[in-house]
Amino acid sequence: MMKKKIALFASGSGTNAQNIMEYFSDNENIVVDSLWSNNPQAVALQRASHFGVETFVFSREELNNSDSMVNRIKERGVDLIVLAGFLWLIPVSLIHNFTVINIHPALLPKYGGRGMYGMRVHEAVVKNKDAETGISIHYVNEKYDDGKIIFQAKCTVLATDTPEVVAQKVHQLEYEYFPKVIEKVILVL
């Protein structure tokens, strides 16, 4: 059986990307093929290099206005694109050619949409005095955080929790569940 291939997209530090690369590093059926970033300074690129994962940096123009990205990813035989802290809207050309999934640090549909990522989400959760928050892993469509939800996990938010504490709780859920859900999704593709 040919190994199933994942392409990771990341814009920042890449802690989720690293967790995914670690999870699949010894997998007999699945491999992280490549990491793609819109940010040449992304620490995610260094993390990928550490795992021997090939990296690519691209511009907004390359992502949105040409088939070159689709063709480059197809040539690599990628089965699944995973957004691991990637902040740009994914163009229709990629959505129509690949299964794309994302993780969001809240219980969608709450706190989703353009500009809602990272600490902004956790600050909104604390400000609104929510009793719980969590993660949503979902398919990607043409809108931010709007695709069909695959999986959600929850954590309690205490009245004394700061956005930073909420972020830590949510990160633990991300690290625990994201690779497992990726594995389930890719094995049925």
Protein backbone atom coordinates (compact mmCIF):
# COMPACT_ATOMS: atom_id res chain seq x y z
CA MET A 1 0.00 0.00 0.00
CA MET A 2 1.28 3.45 -0.91
CA LYS A 3 1.60 5.78 2.02
CA LYS A 4 -1.08 8.48 2.27
CA LYS A 5 0.48 11.95 2.08
CA ILE A 6 -0.32 15.04 4.13
CA ALA A 7 0.60 18.60 3.15
CA LEU A 8 0.62 20.94 6.14
CA PHE A 9 -0.10 24.67 5.74
CA ALA A 10 1.17 26.89 8.56
CA SER A 11 1.72 30.62 9.02
CA GLY A 12 3.39 30.89 12.41
CA SER A 13 5.21 29.02 15.13
CA GLY A 14 3.99 25.62 13.98
CA THR A 15 3.41 23.90 17.32
CA ASN A 16 0.43 22.01 15.87
CA ALA A 17 2.43 21.20 12.75
CA GLN A 18 5.25 19.81 14.91
CA ASN A 19 2.80 17.73 16.92
CA ILE A 20 1.37 16.30 13.69
CA MET A 21 4.86 15.56 12.30
CA GLU A 22 5.80 13.79 15.55
CA TYR A 23 2.57 11.78 15.56
CA PHE A 24 3.08 10.48 12.02
CA SER A 25 6.90 10.15 12.13
CA ASP A 26 6.76 6.35 12.59
CA ASN A 27 3.44 5.69 10.85
CA GLU A 28 3.53 2.89 8.27
CA ASN A 29 0.55 4.20 6.29
CA ILE A 30 0.73 8.00 6.51
CA VAL A 31 3.54 10.50 5.98
CA VAL A 32 3.78 14.28 6.30
CA ASP A 33 5.00 15.02 2.79
CA SER A 34 5.53 18.77 2.95
CA LEU A 35 4.92 21.99 4.85
CA TRP A 36 3.75 25.09 2.98
CA SER A 37 3.86 28.59 4.42
CA ASN A 38 2.90 32.09 3.38
CA ASN A 39 5.45 33.46 5.85
CA PRO A 40 9.17 33.04 5.08
CA GLN A 41 9.91 33.78 8.78
CA ALA A 42 7.52 31.11 10.12
CA VAL A 43 9.13 28.96 12.79
CA ALA A 44 7.01 26.13 11.35
CA LEU A 45 9.49 25.95 8.44
CA GLN A 46 12.37 25.27 10.85
CA ARG A 47 10.31 22.68 12.71
CA ALA A 48 9.58 20.90 9.41
CA SER A 49 13.25 20.90 8.42
CA HIS A 50 14.06 19.25 11.74
CA PHE A 51 11.79 16.35 10.70
CA GLY A 52 13.23 16.22 7.18
CA VAL A 53 9.93 17.46 5.75
CA GLU A 54 10.29 19.46 2.56
CA THR A 55 9.16 23.09 2.85
CA PHE A 56 7.75 25.63 0.42
CA VAL A 57 7.05 29.35 0.81
CA PHE A 58 4.45 30.96 -1.41
CA SER A 59 2.90 34.38 -1.99
CA ARG A 60 -0.76 35.37 -1.95
CA GLU A 61 -0.49 35.71 -5.73
CA GLU A 62 0.74 32.12 -6.09
CA LEU A 63 -2.01 30.83 -3.82
CA ASN A 64 -4.93 32.70 -5.35
CA ASN A 65 -4.16 33.44 -8.98
CA SER A 66 -2.69 30.37 -10.58
CA ASP A 67 -2.94 26.64 -10.89
CA SER A 68 0.73 26.30 -10.05
CA MET A 69 0.02 25.52 -6.37
CA VAL A 70 -2.61 22.92 -7.28
CA ASN A 71 -0.24 21.35 -9.82
CA ARG A 72 2.75 21.36 -7.45
CA ILE A 73 0.73 19.69 -4.69
CA LYS A 74 -0.81 17.17 -7.13
CA GLU A 75 2.67 16.28 -8.46
CA ARG A 76 3.66 15.35 -4.90
CA GLY A 77 0.73 12.93 -4.68
CA VAL A 78 -0.79 14.66 -1.66
CA ASP A 79 -4.00 13.11 -0.33
CA LEU A 80 -4.95 15.66 2.34
CA ILE A 81 -4.17 19.30 3.07
CA VAL A 82 -4.17 20.15 6.77
CA LEU A 83 -4.29 23.76 7.95
CA ALA A 84 -2.26 23.93 11.16
CA GLY A 85 -2.36 27.60 12.07
CA PHE A 86 -2.76 28.92 8.54
CA LEU A 87 -4.51 32.28 8.39
CA TRP A 88 -5.38 32.94 4.74
CA LEU A 89 -8.63 31.95 3.08
CA ILE A 90 -8.14 28.85 0.95
CA PRO A 91 -9.00 29.42 -2.73
CA VAL A 92 -11.65 27.40 -4.55
CA SER A 93 -9.01 25.84 -6.82
CA LEU A 94 -7.47 24.00 -3.85
CA ILE A 95 -10.83 23.11 -2.27
CA HIS A 96 -12.04 21.57 -5.54
CA ASN A 97 -8.88 19.49 -6.02
CA PHE A 98 -8.11 18.35 -2.48
CA THR A 99 -9.74 17.47 0.81
CA VAL A 100 -8.75 20.30 3.15
CA ILE A 101 -9.29 20.30 6.91
CA ASN A 102 -8.65 22.95 9.56
CA ILE A 103 -8.60 23.23 13.33
CA HIS A 104 -10.23 26.20 15.04
CA PRO A 105 -9.60 27.10 18.72
CA ALA A 106 -13.29 27.44 19.65
CA LEU A 107 -16.56 25.56 19.47
CA LEU A 108 -17.80 26.63 16.07
CA PRO A 109 -20.02 28.31 15.04
CA LYS A 110 -19.01 30.48 18.02
CA TYR A 111 -16.00 32.77 17.50
CA GLY A 112 -15.39 31.84 13.89
CA GLY A 113 -14.84 33.95 10.82
CA ARG A 114 -12.32 36.37 9.44
CA GLY A 115 -9.89 37.72 12.03
CA MET A 116 -10.92 35.21 14.69
CA TYR A 117 -7.81 33.20 15.48
CA GLY A 118 -5.39 32.54 18.31
CA MET A 119 -5.56 34.86 21.32
CA ARG A 120 -8.37 36.89 19.76
CA VAL A 121 -10.64 33.85 20.17
CA HIS A 122 -9.56 33.16 23.77
CA GLU A 123 -9.98 36.83 24.70
CA ALA A 124 -13.54 36.76 23.31
CA VAL A 125 -14.35 33.58 25.27
CA VAL A 126 -13.15 35.17 28.55
CA LYS A 127 -14.81 38.52 27.82
CA ASN A 128 -18.15 36.79 27.18
CA LYS A 129 -17.77 34.70 30.36
CA ASP A 130 -18.32 31.42 28.52
CA ALA A 131 -18.38 28.36 30.79
CA GLU A 132 -16.72 26.20 28.16
CA THR A 133 -14.72 26.40 24.98
CA GLY A 134 -12.74 23.92 22.95
CA ILE A 135 -11.66 22.95 19.46
CA SER A 136 -13.45 22.34 16.18
CA ILE A 137 -11.88 20.31 13.40
CA HIS A 138 -13.73 20.93 10.17
CA TYR A 139 -13.62 20.60 6.41
CA VAL A 140 -12.62 23.80 4.64
CA ASN A 141 -14.95 25.51 2.19
CA GLU A 142 -14.99 28.94 0.54
CA LYS A 143 -15.68 30.80 3.83
CA TYR A 144 -13.68 31.14 7.03
CA ASP A 145 -14.56 28.47 9.63
CA ASP A 146 -17.76 27.51 7.81
CA GLY A 147 -17.17 23.95 6.58
CA LYS A 148 -18.80 20.81 7.95
CA ILE A 149 -17.58 19.98 11.45
CA ILE A 150 -15.78 16.64 11.76
CA PHE A 151 -15.02 16.69 15.49
CA GLN A 152 -15.26 18.91 18.56
CA ALA A 153 -13.76 18.60 22.05
CA LYS A 154 -14.61 20.80 25.03
CA CYS A 155 -12.87 22.15 28.09
CA THR A 156 -14.19 24.11 31.06
CA VAL A 157 -13.48 27.81 31.39
CA LEU A 158 -13.28 28.98 35.01
CA ALA A 159 -14.31 32.50 36.02
CA THR A 160 -10.69 33.12 37.05
CA ASP A 161 -9.15 31.91 33.76
CA THR A 162 -7.19 34.44 31.72
CA PRO A 163 -7.05 34.20 27.92
CA GLU A 164 -3.56 32.70 28.33
CA VAL A 165 -4.91 29.92 30.60
CA VAL A 166 -7.73 29.25 28.14
CA ALA A 167 -5.15 29.06 25.34
CA GLN A 168 -3.19 26.41 27.27
CA LYS A 169 -6.32 24.30 27.80
CA VAL A 170 -7.26 24.58 24.12
CA HIS A 171 -3.71 23.72 22.99
CA GLN A 172 -3.86 20.52 25.03
CA LEU A 173 -7.04 19.52 23.18
CA GLU A 174 -5.43 20.38 19.85
CA TYR A 175 -2.36 18.27 20.56
CA GLU A 176 -4.41 15.34 21.82
CA TYR A 177 -7.07 15.17 19.12
CA PHE A 178 -5.90 16.83 15.89
CA PRO A 179 -3.48 14.08 14.74
CA LYS A 180 -5.99 11.33 15.60
CA VAL A 181 -8.75 13.02 13.59
CA ILE A 182 -6.36 13.62 10.66
CA GLU A 183 -5.54 9.91 10.72
CA LYS A 184 -9.23 8.92 10.61
CA VAL A 185 -9.97 11.36 7.78
CA ILE A 186 -7.02 10.43 5.56
CA LEU A 187 -7.48 6.67 5.90
CA VAL A 188 -10.94 6.88 4.29
CA LEU A 189 -9.83 9.08 1.36
